[in-house]
Amino acid sequence: MKEENYHDEQNKNNILKLRKVLDTLPPFCRDFFRGIEPYTSTRTRLAYAYDIRLFFEFLHETNSFCKKREITELPLSVLDMVQRTDIEEYLDYMSLYQKDGKDITNEERGKARKLAALRSFYNYYFQSERIEKNTAALVPLPKRHEKEIIRLEPNEVAILLDQVEDGTKLTKKELEYHKKTKLRDVALLTLLLGTGIRVSECVGLDINDVDFDNGGIKIRRKGGYEAIVYFGDEVETALLDYLEQREHIIAAEGHENALFLSLQNRRMAVRSVENLVKKYASRVTTLKKITPHKLRSTYGTELYKETGDIYLVADVLGHKDVNTTRKHYAALEEQRRKQAANAFHLREHSDRHSEHPDN
């Protein structure tokens, strides 16, 4: 059985999931998803589908017209019936609601994403003149309060990697697994910390994506395009140590090319890496919730501190818009601007006070 490219496999799974969600939505929704297909990823479309389904479920529970019909029977005209207050109440409901017996919460970021999906949804039908009102456009996006970047300090990075290497603070059961996965874990975490790649880009790596001659890895970015990211000596050493062990592992059928393998000898999943990071990072700090994305923030922060070049950071992290990078690292830019205030002295202090002019 030939192994399918990881990213192609993810796209296929997303398409199948999207079709299942569409079966639970009004038929006219299919037009929207066909319309946005040329310029959106399968992951984005699936996320939109989940958010739009939540909106229709809310209407089905709260709107007198929608209560009388199944969601799959709702006509397109229902979009014109929805008032601005309906959407505002929907966003308020998103603050806390129950799904499958679980409490689900959304803060500003989650609400903004859901409203963005709804705006895109409404705009498609409004622009194609199939509805009279673009009600979603009347609702302002929730004000998002930027949070301080959570990251590891340089000394914490060193402690983390030492923990991975020697296994201190791990339980007896964890140490049994650690014997088998130490080299893999060191390589994986060193790669994340040393390149700033996303966890999805990391698990999607194949062995032949690593080029030691040029010190780079070929990754598939969000949006589907390929990019080369370069690594330093520490990453190279960790990868070489792991690959020496990897050569003796017989991968499961269909996973022969995967760089990072699970204990079942299958390509590691995103969730597996998230759990791995949590396991080791929790021994380093209990005050910070460290995820693979926080390791990415750690790399981006250190790169910006070292170079002061926000465009370089944006390019290396794969941000299409430098404003995205600038927004995330605004606090660091503010700090640099404050430092600049004292970087240039108009007059030397010694000249000013050394001698009285009458002397």
Foldseek 3Di string as FASTA:
>chain_A
DAFDQPVVVVQVVLVVLLVVLCVQAAVVVVVLLVVCVVQAGSVLSSVLSVLVVLLLVLCCVPPPVNVVDRRNPDDPQVVVVDALVSLVVSLVPQCWDDDPRDIHGDDLVRSLSSLVSLQSSLCVCVVVVNYDDSRSVVDDRDDDDDDAQQADDPVLLVVLLVCLQPVPPPDPVVVVVSVVCSLVLSLLLCCLLFQLEALSFSLSFFPVQADPVQQWGWTQDRVGDIDITHGDDSNVVSLVVVVVVVVPDDADPSANGTSHADPNRHRDDSVNQQVSCQVRSCVRDVVGRDGSNNSSVHNLVVVCVVPVDLVVSCVSNVPPDSVVSCSNCVVVVVVVVVVVVPPDDPDDPCVVPVDDPVD
